């Protein structure tokens, strides 16, 4: 997972998730231990063992943040990744 930019206070992310056994069924992210926000794969469907994701945060104030990204597969297995990033003043 990586931060691909910050524009007008919104951080943009790219991530991939995969399962060796069954297809992925869900993905979500949380900022600074906040509410989980669901995201969908870039192709719009959870139909494969590996999926790519592009998503953005809500408008953020300048400061440091931790984003946790998680995916779940059809067997109930969950994987997570995190990234620390900073939003600077424009």
N, C-alpha and C. Protein backbone atom coordinates (compact mmCIF):
# COMPACT_ATOMS: atom_id res chain seq x y z
N UNK A 1 0.85 -1.16 0.00
CA UNK A 1 0.00 0.00 0.00
C UNK A 1 0.89 1.22 0.00
N UNK A 2 0.42 2.27 -0.71
CA UNK A 2 1.21 3.49 -0.73
C UNK A 2 0.32 4.71 -0.89
N UNK A 3 0.84 5.84 -0.43
CA UNK A 3 0.20 7.13 -0.64
C UNK A 3 0.70 7.62 -1.99
N UNK A 4 -0.21 7.96 -2.89
CA UNK A 4 0.21 8.41 -4.22
C UNK A 4 0.11 9.93 -4.37
N UNK A 5 -0.38 10.61 -3.33
CA UNK A 5 -0.42 12.06 -3.37
C UNK A 5 -1.43 12.62 -2.39
N UNK A 6 -1.32 13.92 -2.17
CA UNK A 6 -2.28 14.65 -1.35
C UNK A 6 -2.68 15.88 -2.15
N UNK A 7 -3.99 16.02 -2.39
CA UNK A 7 -4.49 17.13 -3.18
C UNK A 7 -5.67 17.75 -2.44
N UNK A 8 -5.56 19.06 -2.16
CA UNK A 8 -6.61 19.79 -1.44
C UNK A 8 -6.98 19.10 -0.13
N UNK A 9 -5.98 18.58 0.57
CA UNK A 9 -6.19 17.94 1.87
C UNK A 9 -6.66 16.51 1.81
N UNK A 10 -6.90 15.96 0.63
CA UNK A 10 -7.35 14.57 0.48
C UNK A 10 -6.16 13.70 0.08
N UNK A 11 -5.88 12.70 0.89
CA UNK A 11 -4.79 11.77 0.58
C UNK A 11 -5.32 10.69 -0.36
N UNK A 12 -4.53 10.36 -1.38
CA UNK A 12 -4.91 9.32 -2.34
C UNK A 12 -3.99 8.11 -2.15
N UNK A 13 -4.59 6.92 -2.21
CA UNK A 13 -3.89 5.68 -1.92
C UNK A 13 -4.07 4.66 -3.03
N UNK A 14 -3.09 3.78 -3.16
CA UNK A 14 -3.19 2.59 -4.00
C UNK A 14 -2.78 1.40 -3.14
N UNK A 15 -3.52 0.31 -3.30
CA UNK A 15 -3.23 -0.89 -2.52
C UNK A 15 -3.60 -2.13 -3.33
N UNK A 16 -3.02 -3.25 -2.96
CA UNK A 16 -3.40 -4.54 -3.52
C UNK A 16 -3.63 -5.51 -2.36
N UNK A 17 -4.49 -6.45 -2.60
CA UNK A 17 -4.74 -7.49 -1.62
C UNK A 17 -4.84 -8.81 -2.34
N UNK A 18 -4.47 -9.89 -1.66
CA UNK A 18 -4.56 -11.20 -2.30
C UNK A 18 -4.76 -12.30 -1.26
N UNK A 19 -5.30 -13.40 -1.74
CA UNK A 19 -5.49 -14.60 -0.95
C UNK A 19 -5.01 -15.77 -1.80
N UNK A 20 -4.27 -16.68 -1.21
CA UNK A 20 -3.77 -17.82 -1.96
C UNK A 20 -4.81 -18.89 -2.23
N UNK A 21 -5.93 -18.85 -1.51
CA UNK A 21 -6.89 -19.95 -1.60
C UNK A 21 -8.22 -19.58 -2.25
N UNK A 22 -8.83 -18.48 -1.83
CA UNK A 22 -10.17 -18.12 -2.29
C UNK A 22 -10.23 -16.63 -2.63
N UNK A 23 -11.32 -16.21 -3.26
CA UNK A 23 -11.43 -14.82 -3.69
C UNK A 23 -11.59 -13.88 -2.51
N UNK A 24 -11.21 -12.63 -2.72
CA UNK A 24 -11.43 -11.59 -1.72
C UNK A 24 -12.91 -11.22 -1.71
N UNK A 25 -13.40 -10.81 -0.54
CA UNK A 25 -14.82 -10.46 -0.44
C UNK A 25 -15.06 -9.08 0.16
N UNK A 26 -14.06 -8.46 0.77
CA UNK A 26 -14.26 -7.15 1.39
C UNK A 26 -12.93 -6.44 1.57
N UNK A 27 -13.01 -5.10 1.60
CA UNK A 27 -11.84 -4.28 1.89
C UNK A 27 -12.32 -2.99 2.54
N UNK A 28 -11.51 -2.46 3.45
CA UNK A 28 -11.87 -1.21 4.13
C UNK A 28 -10.62 -0.56 4.68
N UNK A 29 -10.76 0.72 5.08
CA UNK A 29 -9.65 1.43 5.70
C UNK A 29 -10.16 2.27 6.85
N UNK A 30 -9.23 2.59 7.77
CA UNK A 30 -9.53 3.46 8.91
C UNK A 30 -8.37 4.42 9.09
N UNK A 31 -8.69 5.67 9.37
CA UNK A 31 -7.67 6.69 9.65
C UNK A 31 -7.61 6.95 11.14
N UNK A 32 -6.41 6.88 11.70
CA UNK A 32 -6.19 7.18 13.13
C UNK A 32 -7.19 6.47 14.03
N UNK A 33 -7.39 5.20 13.80
CA UNK A 33 -8.29 4.35 14.62
C UNK A 33 -9.74 4.80 14.57
N UNK A 34 -10.11 5.47 13.48
CA UNK A 34 -11.49 5.93 13.33
C UNK A 34 -12.39 4.88 12.72
N UNK A 35 -13.50 5.34 12.20
CA UNK A 35 -14.52 4.48 11.59
C UNK A 35 -13.97 3.80 10.33
N UNK A 36 -14.31 2.53 10.15
CA UNK A 36 -13.91 1.78 8.96
C UNK A 36 -14.76 2.23 7.77
N UNK A 37 -14.09 2.45 6.65
CA UNK A 37 -14.75 2.88 5.41
C UNK A 37 -14.53 1.79 4.36
N UNK A 38 -15.61 1.27 3.80
CA UNK A 38 -15.52 0.21 2.79
C UNK A 38 -15.00 0.78 1.47
N UNK A 39 -14.21 -0.02 0.76
CA UNK A 39 -13.73 0.33 -0.57
C UNK A 39 -13.96 -0.86 -1.49
N UNK A 40 -14.06 -0.57 -2.79
CA UNK A 40 -14.25 -1.63 -3.78
C UNK A 40 -13.01 -1.69 -4.68
N UNK A 41 -12.78 -2.84 -5.31
CA UNK A 41 -11.65 -2.96 -6.22
C UNK A 41 -11.77 -1.98 -7.40
N UNK A 42 -10.65 -1.72 -8.05
CA UNK A 42 -10.66 -0.79 -9.18
C UNK A 42 -11.55 -1.28 -10.32
N UNK A 43 -11.74 -2.60 -10.44
CA UNK A 43 -12.63 -3.11 -11.50
C UNK A 43 -14.08 -3.18 -11.05
N UNK A 44 -14.36 -2.80 -9.80
CA UNK A 44 -15.73 -2.75 -9.30
C UNK A 44 -16.29 -4.04 -8.74
N UNK A 45 -15.55 -5.14 -8.84
CA UNK A 45 -16.06 -6.44 -8.38
C UNK A 45 -15.04 -7.19 -7.54
N UNK A 46 -15.53 -7.82 -6.47
CA UNK A 46 -14.72 -8.77 -5.71
C UNK A 46 -14.91 -10.13 -6.38
N UNK A 47 -14.08 -10.43 -7.38
CA UNK A 47 -14.26 -11.66 -8.14
C UNK A 47 -12.96 -12.43 -8.38
N UNK A 48 -11.91 -12.09 -7.61
CA UNK A 48 -10.62 -12.73 -7.84
C UNK A 48 -9.86 -12.92 -6.52
N UNK A 49 -8.83 -13.74 -6.57
CA UNK A 49 -7.97 -13.96 -5.41
C UNK A 49 -7.04 -12.78 -5.15
N UNK A 50 -6.85 -11.92 -6.17
CA UNK A 50 -6.03 -10.71 -6.03
C UNK A 50 -6.79 -9.53 -6.61
N UNK A 51 -6.79 -8.42 -5.90
CA UNK A 51 -7.50 -7.22 -6.34
C UNK A 51 -6.63 -5.99 -6.11
N UNK A 52 -6.84 -4.99 -6.94
CA UNK A 52 -6.19 -3.68 -6.78
C UNK A 52 -7.23 -2.67 -6.33
N UNK A 53 -6.77 -1.70 -5.54
CA UNK A 53 -7.67 -0.69 -4.99
C UNK A 53 -7.07 0.70 -5.16
N UNK A 54 -7.91 1.68 -5.43
CA UNK A 54 -7.55 3.10 -5.41
C UNK A 54 -8.65 3.81 -4.64
N UNK A 55 -8.26 4.61 -3.66
CA UNK A 55 -9.26 5.30 -2.86
C UNK A 55 -8.63 6.55 -2.25
N UNK A 56 -9.47 7.42 -1.70
CA UNK A 56 -8.97 8.64 -1.08
C UNK A 56 -9.65 8.89 0.24
N UNK A 57 -9.00 9.69 1.05
CA UNK A 57 -9.53 10.06 2.37
C UNK A 57 -10.50 11.22 2.20
N UNK A 58 -11.17 11.51 3.28
CA UNK A 58 -11.93 12.76 3.35
C UNK A 58 -10.93 13.90 3.46
N UNK A 59 -11.39 15.12 3.43
CA UNK A 59 -10.50 16.27 3.57
C UNK A 59 -9.89 16.27 4.97
N UNK A 60 -8.57 16.40 5.04
CA UNK A 60 -7.84 16.29 6.30
C UNK A 60 -7.15 17.60 6.65
N UNK A 61 -7.04 17.87 7.92
CA UNK A 61 -6.28 19.01 8.41
C UNK A 61 -4.79 18.67 8.33
N UNK A 62 -3.92 19.68 8.27
CA UNK A 62 -2.49 19.40 8.29
C UNK A 62 -2.11 18.60 9.53
N UNK A 63 -1.22 17.64 9.36
CA UNK A 63 -0.77 16.80 10.48
C UNK A 63 -0.38 15.42 10.01
N UNK A 64 -0.04 14.56 10.96
CA UNK A 64 0.36 13.19 10.68
C UNK A 64 -0.81 12.24 10.90
N UNK A 65 -0.87 11.20 10.07
CA UNK A 65 -1.98 10.25 10.12
C UNK A 65 -1.45 8.83 9.94
N UNK A 66 -2.21 7.87 10.45
CA UNK A 66 -1.96 6.45 10.22
C UNK A 66 -3.20 5.88 9.55
N UNK A 67 -3.01 5.27 8.38
CA UNK A 67 -4.10 4.60 7.68
C UNK A 67 -3.86 3.11 7.77
N UNK A 68 -4.88 2.37 8.20
CA UNK A 68 -4.84 0.91 8.23
C UNK A 68 -5.80 0.41 7.16
N UNK A 69 -5.30 -0.47 6.30
CA UNK A 69 -6.08 -1.06 5.21
C UNK A 69 -6.23 -2.54 5.51
N UNK A 70 -7.45 -3.07 5.34
CA UNK A 70 -7.64 -4.50 5.59
C UNK A 70 -8.48 -5.12 4.47
N UNK A 71 -8.20 -6.38 4.18
CA UNK A 71 -8.98 -7.16 3.22
C UNK A 71 -9.39 -8.46 3.90
N UNK A 72 -10.50 -9.02 3.40
CA UNK A 72 -11.00 -10.29 3.94
C UNK A 72 -11.32 -11.19 2.74
N UNK A 73 -11.06 -12.48 2.89
CA UNK A 73 -11.38 -13.41 1.81
C UNK A 73 -12.62 -14.23 2.17
N UNK A 74 -13.05 -15.06 1.22
CA UNK A 74 -14.28 -15.84 1.39
C UNK A 74 -14.19 -16.86 2.52
N UNK A 75 -13.00 -17.21 2.96
CA UNK A 75 -12.83 -18.15 4.08
C UNK A 75 -12.80 -17.42 5.42
N UNK A 76 -12.90 -16.09 5.41
CA UNK A 76 -12.89 -15.32 6.65
C UNK A 76 -11.53 -14.86 7.11
N UNK A 77 -10.49 -15.15 6.34
CA UNK A 77 -9.14 -14.69 6.69
C UNK A 77 -9.03 -13.19 6.43
N UNK A 78 -8.30 -12.51 7.30
CA UNK A 78 -8.13 -11.06 7.19
C UNK A 78 -6.64 -10.73 7.13
N UNK A 79 -6.31 -9.78 6.25
CA UNK A 79 -4.94 -9.26 6.16
C UNK A 79 -4.98 -7.75 6.29
N UNK A 80 -3.93 -7.19 6.87
CA UNK A 80 -3.87 -5.74 7.05
C UNK A 80 -2.52 -5.19 6.62
N UNK A 81 -2.54 -3.90 6.33
CA UNK A 81 -1.32 -3.14 6.04
C UNK A 81 -1.55 -1.74 6.56
N UNK A 82 -0.47 -1.02 6.85
CA UNK A 82 -0.64 0.35 7.32
C UNK A 82 0.41 1.25 6.71
N UNK A 83 0.10 2.53 6.70
CA UNK A 83 1.04 3.54 6.20
C UNK A 83 0.86 4.81 7.04
N UNK A 84 1.98 5.44 7.34
CA UNK A 84 2.00 6.72 8.06
C UNK A 84 2.28 7.80 7.03
N UNK A 85 1.52 8.89 7.07
CA UNK A 85 1.73 9.97 6.11
C UNK A 85 1.41 11.31 6.77
N UNK A 86 1.85 12.38 6.11
CA UNK A 86 1.66 13.72 6.63
C UNK A 86 0.96 14.58 5.60
N UNK A 87 -0.03 15.34 6.06
CA UNK A 87 -0.68 16.34 5.22
C UNK A 87 -0.07 17.68 5.60
N UNK A 88 0.50 18.36 4.61
CA UNK A 88 1.14 19.65 4.84
C UNK A 88 0.20 20.79 4.49
N UNK A 89 0.48 21.95 5.03
CA UNK A 89 -0.29 23.14 4.67
C UNK A 89 -0.03 23.47 3.21
N UNK A 90 -1.08 23.92 2.52
CA UNK A 90 -0.92 24.32 1.12
C UNK A 90 -0.14 25.61 0.99
